């Protein structure tokens, strides 16, 4: 019985991941057929993301998968990112988001250029 509940919870999280991934791809104007994601990134990322209960962390997984599809980021997304993200907690996400937004605030004149260059 517990196994069935866990399978259902994991299925729900996988559905949320797919929806969030599709939203991110649409926002970026990307098509998943443009560049395939290497299996050594896609498989562990999907597996870990379907286990993630926190929406903020799962959004990072969706962003990682979308970035791996982006031809402009060719060879930038590495399999090491999966291992790094797997070790992150919610507080780590908030700290990184704060640092990112702080950098953008300090570099307002060059924020758009920086965002484009360092997605």
C-alpha atoms as a PDB file:
ATOM      1  CA  UNK A   1       0.000   0.000   0.000  1.00  0.00           C
ATOM      2  CA  UNK A   2       2.808   2.398   0.858  1.00  0.00           C
ATOM      3  CA  UNK A   3       4.493   1.537  -2.430  1.00  0.00           C
ATOM      4  CA  UNK A   4       1.344   2.447  -4.359  1.00  0.00           C
ATOM      5  CA  UNK A   5       1.104   5.782  -2.577  1.00  0.00           C
ATOM      6  CA  UNK A   6       4.751   6.577  -3.354  1.00  0.00           C
ATOM      7  CA  UNK A   7       4.257   5.642  -7.006  1.00  0.00           C
ATOM      8  CA  UNK A   8       1.234   7.934  -7.188  1.00  0.00           C
ATOM      9  CA  UNK A   9       3.095  10.806  -5.511  1.00  0.00           C
ATOM     10  CA  UNK A  10       6.013  10.351  -7.894  1.00  0.00           C
ATOM     11  CA  UNK A  11       3.611  10.311 -10.848  1.00  0.00           C
ATOM     12  CA  UNK A  12       2.049  13.584  -9.661  1.00  0.00           C
ATOM     13  CA  UNK A  13       5.479  15.179  -9.365  1.00  0.00           C
ATOM     14  CA  UNK A  14       6.457  13.914 -12.823  1.00  0.00           C
ATOM     15  CA  UNK A  15       3.305  15.484 -14.291  1.00  0.00           C
ATOM     16  CA  UNK A  16       4.114  18.799 -12.587  1.00  0.00           C
ATOM     17  CA  UNK A  17       7.677  18.607 -13.918  1.00  0.00           C
ATOM     18  CA  UNK A  18       6.414  18.015 -17.470  1.00  0.00           C
ATOM     19  CA  UNK A  19       3.996  20.942 -17.219  1.00  0.00           C
ATOM     20  CA  UNK A  20       6.634  23.279 -15.813  1.00  0.00           C
ATOM     21  CA  UNK A  21       9.169  22.146 -18.415  1.00  0.00           C
ATOM     22  CA  UNK A  22       6.655  22.863 -21.207  1.00  0.00           C
ATOM     23  CA  UNK A  23       5.982  26.339 -19.760  1.00  0.00           C
ATOM     24  CA  UNK A  24       9.700  27.142 -19.655  1.00  0.00           C
ATOM     25  CA  UNK A  25      10.238  25.855 -23.183  1.00  0.00           C
ATOM     26  CA  UNK A  26       7.340  28.017 -24.431  1.00  0.00           C
ATOM     27  CA  UNK A  27       8.688  31.097 -22.587  1.00  0.00           C
ATOM     28  CA  UNK A  28      12.077  30.595 -24.212  1.00  0.00           C
ATOM     29  CA  UNK A  29      10.550  29.897 -27.618  1.00  0.00           C
ATOM     30  CA  UNK A  30      12.253  26.510 -27.797  1.00  0.00           C
ATOM     31  CA  UNK A  31      11.181  23.271 -29.387  1.00  0.00           C
ATOM     32  CA  UNK A  32      12.305  20.022 -27.760  1.00  0.00           C
ATOM     33  CA  UNK A  33      13.241  18.586 -31.147  1.00  0.00           C
ATOM     34  CA  UNK A  34      15.851  21.305 -31.781  1.00  0.00           C
ATOM     35  CA  UNK A  35      18.592  19.641 -29.767  1.00  0.00           C
ATOM     36  CA  UNK A  36      18.262  16.304 -27.975  1.00  0.00           C
ATOM     37  CA  UNK A  37      19.303  16.148 -24.322  1.00  0.00           C
ATOM     38  CA  UNK A  38      22.089  13.637 -23.716  1.00  0.00           C
ATOM     39  CA  UNK A  39      20.762  10.603 -21.792  1.00  0.00           C
ATOM     40  CA  UNK A  40      23.412  11.025 -19.083  1.00  0.00           C
ATOM     41  CA  UNK A  41      21.733  14.366 -18.268  1.00  0.00           C
ATOM     42  CA  UNK A  42      18.098  13.625 -19.085  1.00  0.00           C
ATOM     43  CA  UNK A  43      17.628  10.315 -17.280  1.00  0.00           C
ATOM     44  CA  UNK A  44      19.048  11.236 -13.861  1.00  0.00           C
ATOM     45  CA  UNK A  45      17.476  14.709 -14.050  1.00  0.00           C
ATOM     46  CA  UNK A  46      13.996  13.331 -14.720  1.00  0.00           C
ATOM     47  CA  UNK A  47      14.416  10.681 -12.033  1.00  0.00           C
ATOM     48  CA  UNK A  48      15.586  13.172  -9.382  1.00  0.00           C
ATOM     49  CA  UNK A  49      12.989  15.773 -10.370  1.00  0.00           C
ATOM     50  CA  UNK A  50      10.180  13.251  -9.990  1.00  0.00           C
ATOM     51  CA  UNK A  51      11.370  12.596  -6.424  1.00  0.00           C
ATOM     52  CA  UNK A  52      11.562  16.304  -5.533  1.00  0.00           C
ATOM     53  CA  UNK A  53       8.724  17.512  -3.292  1.00  0.00           C
ATOM     54  CA  UNK A  54       9.672  21.188  -3.270  1.00  0.00           C
ATOM     55  CA  UNK A  55       8.344  23.223  -6.208  1.00  0.00           C
ATOM     56  CA  UNK A  56      11.298  25.651  -6.205  1.00  0.00           C
ATOM     57  CA  UNK A  57      13.777  22.807  -6.517  1.00  0.00           C
ATOM     58  CA  UNK A  58      11.682  21.028  -9.101  1.00  0.00           C
ATOM     59  CA  UNK A  59      11.576  24.253 -11.125  1.00  0.00           C
ATOM     60  CA  UNK A  60      15.383  24.182 -11.198  1.00  0.00           C
ATOM     61  CA  UNK A  61      15.238  20.664 -12.638  1.00  0.00           C
ATOM     62  CA  UNK A  62      12.776  21.848 -15.293  1.00  0.00           C
ATOM     63  CA  UNK A  63      15.090  24.782 -16.097  1.00  0.00           C
ATOM     64  CA  UNK A  64      18.066  22.444 -16.351  1.00  0.00           C
ATOM     65  CA  UNK A  65      16.236  20.213 -18.820  1.00  0.00           C
ATOM     66  CA  UNK A  66      15.052  23.202 -20.857  1.00  0.00           C
ATOM     67  CA  UNK A  67      18.582  24.643 -20.906  1.00  0.00           C
ATOM     68  CA  UNK A  68      19.908  21.314 -22.147  1.00  0.00           C
ATOM     69  CA  UNK A  69      17.519  21.633 -25.123  1.00  0.00           C
ATOM     70  CA  UNK A  70      18.673  25.169 -25.941  1.00  0.00           C
ATOM     71  CA  UNK A  71      21.054  25.182 -28.930  1.00  0.00           C
ATOM     72  CA  UNK A  72      22.493  28.538 -27.818  1.00  0.00           C
ATOM     73  CA  UNK A  73      23.734  26.803 -24.666  1.00  0.00           C
ATOM     74  CA  UNK A  74      25.363  23.973 -26.566  1.00  0.00           C
ATOM     75  CA  UNK A  75      27.941  22.211 -24.352  1.00  0.00           C
ATOM     76  CA  UNK A  76      27.254  24.580 -21.444  1.00  0.00           C
ATOM     77  CA  UNK A  77      24.906  22.225 -19.582  1.00  0.00           C
ATOM     78  CA  UNK A  78      27.045  19.465 -18.139  1.00  0.00           C
ATOM     79  CA  UNK A  79      26.198  16.254 -16.324  1.00  0.00           C
ATOM     80  CA  UNK A  80      27.924  17.661 -13.217  1.00  0.00           C
ATOM     81  CA  UNK A  81      24.982  20.074 -12.870  1.00  0.00           C
ATOM     82  CA  UNK A  82      22.737  17.076 -12.128  1.00  0.00           C
ATOM     83  CA  UNK A  83      24.951  16.059  -9.214  1.00  0.00           C
ATOM     84  CA  UNK A  84      25.136  19.617  -7.896  1.00  0.00           C
ATOM     85  CA  UNK A  85      21.397  20.150  -8.096  1.00  0.00           C
ATOM     86  CA  UNK A  86      20.721  16.784  -6.482  1.00  0.00           C
ATOM     87  CA  UNK A  87      22.534  17.999  -3.345  1.00  0.00           C
ATOM     88  CA  UNK A  88      20.725  21.346  -3.075  1.00  0.00           C
ATOM     89  CA  UNK A  89      18.146  22.235  -0.437  1.00  0.00           C
ATOM     90  CA  UNK A  90      15.469  24.916  -0.587  1.00  0.00           C
ATOM     91  CA  UNK A  91      17.604  27.412   1.310  1.00  0.00           C
ATOM     92  CA  UNK A  92      20.369  26.983  -1.283  1.00  0.00           C
ATOM     93  CA  UNK A  93      17.917  27.903  -4.048  1.00  0.00           C
ATOM     94  CA  UNK A  94      16.836  31.039  -2.206  1.00  0.00           C
ATOM     95  CA  UNK A  95      20.441  32.099  -1.609  1.00  0.00           C
ATOM     96  CA  UNK A  96      21.356  31.598  -5.269  1.00  0.00           C
ATOM     97  CA  UNK A  97      18.267  33.518  -6.409  1.00  0.00           C
ATOM     98  CA  UNK A  98      19.163  36.356  -4.053  1.00  0.00           C
ATOM     99  CA  UNK A  99      22.725  36.512  -5.349  1.00  0.00           C
ATOM    100  CA  UNK A 100      21.482  36.469  -8.948  1.00  0.00           C
ATOM    101  CA  UNK A 101      18.942  39.248  -8.370  1.00  0.00           C
ATOM    102  CA  UNK A 102      21.534  41.281  -6.446  1.00  0.00           C
ATOM    103  CA  UNK A 103      23.961  41.041  -9.353  1.00  0.00           C
ATOM    104  CA  UNK A 104      21.229  42.244 -11.697  1.00  0.00           C
ATOM    105  CA  UNK A 105      20.396  45.180  -9.399  1.00  0.00           C
ATOM    106  CA  UNK A 106      24.033  46.262  -9.197  1.00  0.00           C
ATOM    107  CA  UNK A 107      24.482  46.030 -12.944  1.00  0.00           C
ATOM    108  CA  UNK A 108      21.207  47.659 -14.018  1.00  0.00           C
ATOM    109  CA  UNK A 109      22.731  49.378 -17.084  1.00  0.00           C
ATOM    110  CA  UNK A 110      24.075  46.041 -18.275  1.00  0.00           C
ATOM    111  CA  UNK A 111      21.432  43.710 -16.800  1.00  0.00           C
ATOM    112  CA  UNK A 112      19.872  42.613 -20.073  1.00  0.00           C
ATOM    113  CA  UNK A 113      23.262  41.960 -21.642  1.00  0.00           C
ATOM    114  CA  UNK A 114      24.345  39.999 -18.559  1.00  0.00           C
ATOM    115  CA  UNK A 115      21.112  37.971 -18.471  1.00  0.00           C
ATOM    116  CA  UNK A 116      21.508  37.060 -22.129  1.00  0.00           C
ATOM    117  CA  UNK A 117      25.147  36.142 -21.759  1.00  0.00           C
ATOM    118  CA  UNK A 118      24.772  34.195 -18.483  1.00  0.00           C
ATOM    119  CA  UNK A 119      21.293  32.693 -18.651  1.00  0.00           C
END
